[in-house]
């Protein structure tokens, strides 16, 4: 933050310049919380769409398959 203020002072930047600079640096750093991983499936012409959201950002394919199998088991047990 201090470096940004010093840079703005040296360059005589405007408020618009400051916003542009901070947007670029924040996007490069990947600031913020990682997004949840969402597995989406829509068959062509199918009557449904499936979205499966995980709490972590990185989920291996095997874990997606295990989660889908757990959903199927749960649905079958309800009958």
PDB file of N, CA and C in Angstrom:
ATOM      1  N   UNK A   1       0.823  -1.176   0.000  1.00  0.00           N
ATOM      2  CA  UNK A   1       0.000   0.000   0.000  1.00  0.00           C
ATOM      3  C   UNK A   1       0.877   1.253   0.000  1.00  0.00           C
ATOM      4  N   UNK A   2       1.917   1.235   0.825  1.00  0.00           N
ATOM      5  CA  UNK A   2       2.827   2.385   0.886  1.00  0.00           C
ATOM      6  C   UNK A   2       3.510   2.591  -0.464  1.00  0.00           C
ATOM      7  N   UNK A   3       3.926   1.493  -1.084  1.00  0.00           N
ATOM      8  CA  UNK A   3       4.584   1.594  -2.386  1.00  0.00           C
ATOM      9  C   UNK A   3       3.642   2.200  -3.426  1.00  0.00           C
ATOM     10  N   UNK A   4       2.387   1.843  -3.365  1.00  0.00           N
ATOM     11  CA  UNK A   4       1.406   2.391  -4.304  1.00  0.00           C
ATOM     12  C   UNK A   4       1.254   3.899  -4.098  1.00  0.00           C
ATOM     13  N   UNK A   5       1.156   4.319  -2.854  1.00  0.00           N
ATOM     14  CA  UNK A   5       1.003   5.747  -2.565  1.00  0.00           C
ATOM     15  C   UNK A   5       2.227   6.527  -3.037  1.00  0.00           C
ATOM     16  N   UNK A   6       3.411   5.975  -2.786  1.00  0.00           N
ATOM     17  CA  UNK A   6       4.636   6.647  -3.246  1.00  0.00           C
ATOM     18  C   UNK A   6       4.672   6.747  -4.765  1.00  0.00           C
ATOM     19  N   UNK A   7       4.275   5.680  -5.425  1.00  0.00           N
ATOM     20  CA  UNK A   7       4.278   5.678  -6.889  1.00  0.00           C
ATOM     21  C   UNK A   7       3.301   6.712  -7.437  1.00  0.00           C
ATOM     22  N   UNK A   8       2.114   6.772  -6.839  1.00  0.00           N
ATOM     23  CA  UNK A   8       1.116   7.745  -7.287  1.00  0.00           C
ATOM     24  C   UNK A   8       1.628   9.170  -7.081  1.00  0.00           C
ATOM     25  N   UNK A   9       2.328   9.410  -5.971  1.00  0.00           N
ATOM     26  CA  UNK A   9       2.883  10.732  -5.706  1.00  0.00           C
ATOM     27  C   UNK A   9       3.959  11.123  -6.705  1.00  0.00           C
ATOM     28  N   UNK A  10       4.832  10.162  -7.040  1.00  0.00           N
ATOM     29  CA  UNK A  10       5.905  10.424  -8.009  1.00  0.00           C
ATOM     30  C   UNK A  10       5.365  10.721  -9.390  1.00  0.00           C
ATOM     31  N   UNK A  11       4.384   9.934  -9.805  1.00  0.00           N
ATOM     32  CA  UNK A  11       3.876  10.048 -11.175  1.00  0.00           C
ATOM     33  C   UNK A  11       2.783  11.097 -11.317  1.00  0.00           C
ATOM     34  N   UNK A  12       2.281  11.619 -10.199  1.00  0.00           N
ATOM     35  CA  UNK A  12       1.201  12.594 -10.271  1.00  0.00           C
ATOM     36  C   UNK A  12      -0.048  12.001 -10.890  1.00  0.00           C
ATOM     37  N   UNK A  13      -0.365  10.790 -10.502  1.00  0.00           N
ATOM     38  CA  UNK A  13      -1.482  10.074 -11.100  1.00  0.00           C
ATOM     39  C   UNK A  13      -2.821  10.609 -10.595  1.00  0.00           C
ATOM     40  N   UNK A  14      -3.834  10.436 -11.414  1.00  0.00           N
ATOM     41  CA  UNK A  14      -5.192  10.825 -11.046  1.00  0.00           C
ATOM     42  C   UNK A  14      -5.877   9.667 -10.337  1.00  0.00           C
ATOM     43  N   UNK A  15      -7.068   9.912  -9.849  1.00  0.00           N
ATOM     44  CA  UNK A  15      -7.838   8.866  -9.181  1.00  0.00           C
ATOM     45  C   UNK A  15      -8.117   7.710 -10.149  1.00  0.00           C
ATOM     46  N   UNK A  16      -8.411   8.016 -11.384  1.00  0.00           N
ATOM     47  CA  UNK A  16      -8.656   6.985 -12.401  1.00  0.00           C
ATOM     48  C   UNK A  16      -7.408   6.140 -12.613  1.00  0.00           C
ATOM     49  N   UNK A  17      -6.249   6.783 -12.659  1.00  0.00           N
ATOM     50  CA  UNK A  17      -4.987   6.047 -12.807  1.00  0.00           C
ATOM     51  C   UNK A  17      -4.764   5.115 -11.622  1.00  0.00           C
ATOM     52  N   UNK A  18      -5.060   5.606 -10.426  1.00  0.00           N
ATOM     53  CA  UNK A  18      -4.880   4.795  -9.213  1.00  0.00           C
ATOM     54  C   UNK A  18      -5.775   3.562  -9.268  1.00  0.00           C
ATOM     55  N   UNK A  19      -7.001   3.730  -9.677  1.00  0.00           N
ATOM     56  CA  UNK A  19      -7.915   2.580  -9.777  1.00  0.00           C
ATOM     57  C   UNK A  19      -7.408   1.561 -10.795  1.00  0.00           C
ATOM     58  N   UNK A  20      -6.948   2.059 -11.922  1.00  0.00           N
ATOM     59  CA  UNK A  20      -6.432   1.173 -12.958  1.00  0.00           C
ATOM     60  C   UNK A  20      -5.216   0.389 -12.451  1.00  0.00           C
ATOM     61  N   UNK A  21      -4.335   1.064 -11.738  1.00  0.00           N
ATOM     62  CA  UNK A  21      -3.144   0.402 -11.199  1.00  0.00           C
ATOM     63  C   UNK A  21      -3.509  -0.667 -10.178  1.00  0.00           C
ATOM     64  N   UNK A  22      -4.429  -0.358  -9.275  1.00  0.00           N
ATOM     65  CA  UNK A  22      -4.773  -1.339  -8.242  1.00  0.00           C
ATOM     66  C   UNK A  22      -5.532  -2.514  -8.825  1.00  0.00           C
ATOM     67  N   UNK A  23      -6.357  -2.299  -9.827  1.00  0.00           N
ATOM     68  CA  UNK A  23      -7.070  -3.409 -10.453  1.00  0.00           C
ATOM     69  C   UNK A  23      -6.103  -4.360 -11.127  1.00  0.00           C
ATOM     70  N   UNK A  24      -5.103  -3.835 -11.796  1.00  0.00           N
ATOM     71  CA  UNK A  24      -4.117  -4.685 -12.462  1.00  0.00           C
ATOM     72  C   UNK A  24      -3.306  -5.488 -11.469  1.00  0.00           C
ATOM     73  N   UNK A  25      -2.848  -4.864 -10.397  1.00  0.00           N
ATOM     74  CA  UNK A  25      -1.999  -5.577  -9.434  1.00  0.00           C
ATOM     75  C   UNK A  25      -2.808  -6.603  -8.661  1.00  0.00           C
ATOM     76  N   UNK A  26      -4.051  -6.309  -8.318  1.00  0.00           N
ATOM     77  CA  UNK A  26      -4.870  -7.272  -7.594  1.00  0.00           C
ATOM     78  C   UNK A  26      -5.198  -8.479  -8.450  1.00  0.00           C
ATOM     79  N   UNK A  27      -5.477  -8.266  -9.738  1.00  0.00           N
ATOM     80  CA  UNK A  27      -5.814  -9.398 -10.597  1.00  0.00           C
ATOM     81  C   UNK A  27      -4.599 -10.288 -10.830  1.00  0.00           C
ATOM     82  N   UNK A  28      -3.407  -9.714 -10.860  1.00  0.00           N
ATOM     83  CA  UNK A  28      -2.199 -10.519 -11.053  1.00  0.00           C
ATOM     84  C   UNK A  28      -1.899 -11.386  -9.839  1.00  0.00           C
ATOM     85  N   UNK A  29      -2.159 -10.860  -8.682  1.00  0.00           N
ATOM     86  CA  UNK A  29      -1.853 -11.590  -7.450  1.00  0.00           C
ATOM     87  C   UNK A  29      -2.876 -12.669  -7.138  1.00  0.00           C
ATOM     88  N   UNK A  30      -4.041 -12.595  -7.752  1.00  0.00           N
ATOM     89  CA  UNK A  30      -5.069 -13.574  -7.470  1.00  0.00           C
ATOM     90  C   UNK A  30      -5.647 -13.388  -6.080  1.00  0.00           C
ATOM     91  N   UNK A  31      -5.844 -12.156  -5.702  1.00  0.00           N
ATOM     92  CA  UNK A  31      -6.341 -11.860  -4.362  1.00  0.00           C
ATOM     93  C   UNK A  31      -7.730 -12.412  -4.155  1.00  0.00           C
ATOM     94  N   UNK A  32      -8.077 -12.547  -2.930  1.00  0.00           N
ATOM     95  CA  UNK A  32      -9.401 -13.004  -2.574  1.00  0.00           C
ATOM     96  C   UNK A  32      -9.410 -14.495  -2.309  1.00  0.00           C
ATOM     97  N   UNK A  33     -10.536 -14.922  -1.867  1.00  0.00           N
ATOM     98  CA  UNK A  33     -10.717 -16.321  -1.530  1.00  0.00           C
ATOM     99  C   UNK A  33     -10.850 -17.144  -2.797  1.00  0.00           C
ATOM    100  N   UNK A  34     -10.254 -18.324  -2.832  1.00  0.00           N
ATOM    101  CA  UNK A  34     -10.419 -19.177  -4.012  1.00  0.00           C
ATOM    102  C   UNK A  34     -11.886 -19.584  -4.170  1.00  0.00           C
ATOM    103  N   UNK A  35     -12.307 -19.660  -5.373  1.00  0.00           N
ATOM    104  CA  UNK A  35     -13.696 -20.023  -5.636  1.00  0.00           C
ATOM    105  C   UNK A  35     -13.910 -21.523  -5.443  1.00  0.00           C
ATOM    106  N   UNK A  36     -15.140 -21.865  -5.166  1.00  0.00           N
ATOM    107  CA  UNK A  36     -15.507 -23.259  -5.040  1.00  0.00           C
ATOM    108  C   UNK A  36     -15.451 -23.917  -6.413  1.00  0.00           C
ATOM    109  N   UNK A  37     -15.111 -25.208  -6.427  1.00  0.00           N
ATOM    110  CA  UNK A  37     -15.099 -25.941  -7.688  1.00  0.00           C
ATOM    111  C   UNK A  37     -16.526 -26.384  -8.003  1.00  0.00           C
ATOM    112  N   UNK A  38     -16.962 -26.179  -9.231  1.00  0.00           N
ATOM    113  CA  UNK A  38     -18.295 -26.600  -9.648  1.00  0.00           C
ATOM    114  C   UNK A  38     -18.147 -27.522 -10.852  1.00  0.00           C
ATOM    115  N   UNK A  39     -18.659 -28.742 -10.698  1.00  0.00           N
ATOM    116  CA  UNK A  39     -18.715 -29.694 -11.805  1.00  0.00           C
ATOM    117  C   UNK A  39     -20.076 -29.513 -12.461  1.00  0.00           C
ATOM    118  N   UNK A  40     -20.087 -29.179 -13.737  1.00  0.00           N
ATOM    119  CA  UNK A  40     -21.335 -28.966 -14.467  1.00  0.00           C
ATOM    120  C   UNK A  40     -21.460 -29.990 -15.584  1.00  0.00           C
ATOM    121  N   UNK A  41     -22.665 -30.523 -15.737  1.00  0.00           N
ATOM    122  CA  UNK A  41     -22.923 -31.495 -16.792  1.00  0.00           C
ATOM    123  C   UNK A  41     -24.295 -31.212 -17.382  1.00  0.00           C
ATOM    124  N   UNK A  42     -24.338 -31.051 -18.722  1.00  0.00           N
ATOM    125  CA  UNK A  42     -25.591 -30.874 -19.443  1.00  0.00           C
ATOM    126  C   UNK A  42     -25.547 -31.760 -20.679  1.00  0.00           C
ATOM    127  N   UNK A  43     -26.326 -32.830 -20.708  1.00  0.00           N
ATOM    128  CA  UNK A  43     -26.329 -33.655 -21.917  1.00  0.00           C
ATOM    129  C   UNK A  43     -27.006 -32.909 -23.057  1.00  0.00           C
ATOM    130  N   UNK A  44     -26.553 -33.176 -24.266  1.00  0.00           N
ATOM    131  CA  UNK A  44     -27.144 -32.522 -25.446  1.00  0.00           C
ATOM    132  C   UNK A  44     -28.618 -32.876 -25.548  1.00  0.00           C
ATOM    133  N   UNK A  45     -29.430 -31.865 -25.601  1.00  0.00           N
ATOM    134  CA  UNK A  45     -30.868 -32.077 -25.756  1.00  0.00           C
ATOM    135  C   UNK A  45     -31.497 -32.762 -24.560  1.00  0.00           C
ATOM    136  N   UNK A  46     -30.775 -32.899 -23.484  1.00  0.00           N
ATOM    137  CA  UNK A  46     -31.294 -33.598 -22.312  1.00  0.00           C
ATOM    138  C   UNK A  46     -32.266 -32.763 -21.513  1.00  0.00           C
ATOM    139  N   UNK A  47     -33.079 -33.423 -20.710  1.00  0.00           N
ATOM    140  CA  UNK A  47     -34.098 -32.705 -19.935  1.00  0.00           C
ATOM    141  C   UNK A  47     -33.588 -32.160 -18.597  1.00  0.00           C
ATOM    142  N   UNK A  48     -32.284 -32.227 -18.352  1.00  0.00           N
ATOM    143  CA  UNK A  48     -31.764 -31.771 -17.064  1.00  0.00           C
ATOM    144  C   UNK A  48     -30.365 -31.193 -17.216  1.00  0.00           C
ATOM    145  N   UNK A  49     -29.938 -30.528 -16.170  1.00  0.00           N
ATOM    146  CA  UNK A  49     -28.569 -30.033 -16.041  1.00  0.00           C
ATOM    147  C   UNK A  49     -28.130 -30.334 -14.619  1.00  0.00           C
ATOM    148  N   UNK A  50     -26.875 -30.676 -14.449  1.00  0.00           N
ATOM    149  CA  UNK A  50     -26.356 -31.041 -13.133  1.00  0.00           C
ATOM    150  C   UNK A  50     -25.199 -30.124 -12.766  1.00  0.00           C
ATOM    151  N   UNK A  51     -25.269 -29.539 -11.579  1.00  0.00           N
ATOM    152  CA  UNK A  51     -24.179 -28.734 -11.031  1.00  0.00           C
ATOM    153  C   UNK A  51     -23.856 -29.287  -9.651  1.00  0.00           C
ATOM    154  N   UNK A  52     -22.615 -29.680  -9.472  1.00  0.00           N
ATOM    155  CA  UNK A  52     -22.167 -30.238  -8.203  1.00  0.00           C
ATOM    156  C   UNK A  52     -21.072 -29.333  -7.674  1.00  0.00           C
ATOM    157  N   UNK A  53     -21.315 -28.679  -6.540  1.00  0.00           N
ATOM    158  CA  UNK A  53     -20.377 -27.700  -5.996  1.00  0.00           C
ATOM    159  C   UNK A  53     -19.619 -28.294  -4.816  1.00  0.00           C
ATOM    160  N   UNK A  54     -18.293 -28.097  -4.852  1.00  0.00           N
ATOM    161  CA  UNK A  54     -17.422 -28.550  -3.775  1.00  0.00           C
ATOM    162  C   UNK A  54     -16.958 -27.340  -2.971  1.00  0.00           C
ATOM    163  N   UNK A  55     -16.545 -27.572  -1.746  1.00  0.00           N
ATOM    164  CA  UNK A  55     -16.108 -26.477  -0.885  1.00  0.00           C
ATOM    165  C   UNK A  55     -14.689 -26.020  -1.200  1.00  0.00           C
ATOM    166  N   UNK A  56     -13.929 -26.840  -1.901  1.00  0.00           N
ATOM    167  CA  UNK A  56     -12.544 -26.491  -2.256  1.00  0.00           C
ATOM    168  C   UNK A  56     -12.472 -26.034  -3.711  1.00  0.00           C
ATOM    169  N   UNK A  57     -11.377 -25.377  -4.052  1.00  0.00           N
ATOM    170  CA  UNK A  57     -11.206 -24.874  -5.415  1.00  0.00           C
ATOM    171  C   UNK A  57     -10.649 -25.937  -6.355  1.00  0.00           C
ATOM    172  N   UNK A  58      -9.902 -26.890  -5.836  1.00  0.00           N
ATOM    173  CA  UNK A  58      -9.258 -27.905  -6.673  1.00  0.00           C
ATOM    174  C   UNK A  58      -9.746 -29.287  -6.258  1.00  0.00           C
ATOM    175  N   UNK A  59     -10.447 -29.964  -7.157  1.00  0.00           N
ATOM    176  CA  UNK A  59     -11.011 -31.277  -6.859  1.00  0.00           C
ATOM    177  C   UNK A  59     -10.607 -32.241  -7.964  1.00  0.00           C
ATOM    178  N   UNK A  60      -9.959 -33.361  -7.605  1.00  0.00           N
ATOM    179  CA  UNK A  60      -9.579 -34.336  -8.634  1.00  0.00           C
ATOM    180  C   UNK A  60     -10.809 -35.054  -9.206  1.00  0.00           C
ATOM    181  N   UNK A  61     -10.671 -35.536 -10.416  1.00  0.00           N
ATOM    182  CA  UNK A  61     -11.761 -36.225 -11.123  1.00  0.00           C
ATOM    183  C   UNK A  61     -12.309 -37.403 -10.319  1.00  0.00           C
ATOM    184  N   UNK A  62     -11.423 -38.138  -9.658  1.00  0.00           N
ATOM    185  CA  UNK A  62     -11.854 -39.298  -8.877  1.00  0.00           C
ATOM    186  C   UNK A  62     -12.817 -38.895  -7.763  1.00  0.00           C
ATOM    187  N   UNK A  63     -12.556 -37.733  -7.163  1.00  0.00           N
ATOM    188  CA  UNK A  63     -13.429 -37.268  -6.091  1.00  0.00           C
ATOM    189  C   UNK A  63     -14.799 -36.840  -6.622  1.00  0.00           C
ATOM    190  N   UNK A  64     -14.828 -36.299  -7.824  1.00  0.00           N
ATOM    191  CA  UNK A  64     -16.111 -35.952  -8.455  1.00  0.00           C
ATOM    192  C   UNK A  64     -16.912 -37.230  -8.660  1.00  0.00           C
ATOM    193  N   UNK A  65     -16.267 -38.279  -9.156  1.00  0.00           N
ATOM    194  CA  UNK A  65     -16.943 -39.552  -9.393  1.00  0.00           C
ATOM    195  C   UNK A  65     -17.455 -40.137  -8.084  1.00  0.00           C
ATOM    196  N   UNK A  66     -16.636 -40.094  -7.039  1.00  0.00           N
ATOM    197  CA  UNK A  66     -17.059 -40.610  -5.725  1.00  0.00           C
ATOM    198  C   UNK A  66     -18.275 -39.843  -5.201  1.00  0.00           C
ATOM    199  N   UNK A  67     -18.286 -38.537  -5.392  1.00  0.00           N
ATOM    200  CA  UNK A  67     -19.411 -37.726  -4.919  1.00  0.00           C
ATOM    201  C   UNK A  67     -20.682 -38.080  -5.694  1.00  0.00           C
ATOM    202  N   UNK A  68     -20.562 -38.268  -6.996  1.00  0.00           N
ATOM    203  CA  UNK A  68     -21.731 -38.652  -7.797  1.00  0.00           C
ATOM    204  C   UNK A  68     -22.256 -40.019  -7.389  1.00  0.00           C
ATOM    205  N   UNK A  69     -21.352 -40.948  -7.122  1.00  0.00           N
ATOM    206  CA  UNK A  69     -21.778 -42.271  -6.664  1.00  0.00           C
ATOM    207  C   UNK A  69     -22.460 -42.194  -5.305  1.00  0.00           C
ATOM    208  N   UNK A  70     -21.985 -41.309  -4.426  1.00  0.00           N
ATOM    209  CA  UNK A  70     -22.612 -41.125  -3.114  1.00  0.00           C
ATOM    210  C   UNK A  70     -24.025 -40.557  -3.263  1.00  0.00           C
ATOM    211  N   UNK A  71     -24.202 -39.657  -4.216  1.00  0.00           N
ATOM    212  CA  UNK A  71     -25.533 -39.110  -4.472  1.00  0.00           C
ATOM    213  C   UNK A  71     -26.464 -40.213  -4.955  1.00  0.00           C
ATOM    214  N   UNK A  72     -25.995 -41.044  -5.859  1.00  0.00           N
ATOM    215  CA  UNK A  72     -26.820 -42.151  -6.362  1.00  0.00           C
ATOM    216  C   UNK A  72     -27.204 -43.115  -5.242  1.00  0.00           C
ATOM    217  N   UNK A  73     -26.236 -43.462  -4.379  1.00  0.00           N
ATOM    218  CA  UNK A  73     -26.524 -44.353  -3.246  1.00  0.00           C
ATOM    219  C   UNK A  73     -27.595 -43.738  -2.345  1.00  0.00           C
ATOM    220  N   UNK A  74     -27.452 -42.469  -2.085  1.00  0.00           N
ATOM    221  CA  UNK A  74     -28.411 -41.779  -1.208  1.00  0.00           C
ATOM    222  C   UNK A  74     -29.802 -41.765  -1.829  1.00  0.00           C
ATOM    223  N   UNK A  75     -29.892 -41.519  -3.112  1.00  0.00           N
ATOM    224  CA  UNK A  75     -31.202 -41.520  -3.783  1.00  0.00           C
ATOM    225  C   UNK A  75     -31.835 -42.909  -3.773  1.00  0.00           C
ATOM    226  N   UNK A  76     -31.020 -43.927  -3.984  1.00  0.00           N
ATOM    227  CA  UNK A  76     -31.545 -45.303  -3.972  1.00  0.00           C
ATOM    228  C   UNK A  76     -32.022 -45.733  -2.602  1.00  0.00           C
ATOM    229  N   UNK A  77     -31.360 -45.265  -1.556  1.00  0.00           N
ATOM    230  CA  UNK A  77     -31.727 -45.633  -0.189  1.00  0.00           C
ATOM    231  C   UNK A  77     -33.036 -44.978   0.242  1.00  0.00           C
ATOM    232  N   UNK A  78     -33.375 -43.841  -0.353  1.00  0.00           N
ATOM    233  CA  UNK A  78     -34.600 -43.156   0.001  1.00  0.00           C
ATOM    234  C   UNK A  78     -35.838 -43.933  -0.412  1.00  0.00           C
ATOM    235  N   UNK A  79     -35.760 -44.762  -1.410  1.00  0.00           N
ATOM    236  CA  UNK A  79     -36.929 -45.516  -1.903  1.00  0.00           C
ATOM    237  C   UNK A  79     -37.313 -46.566  -0.980  1.00  0.00           C
TER     238      UNK A  79
END
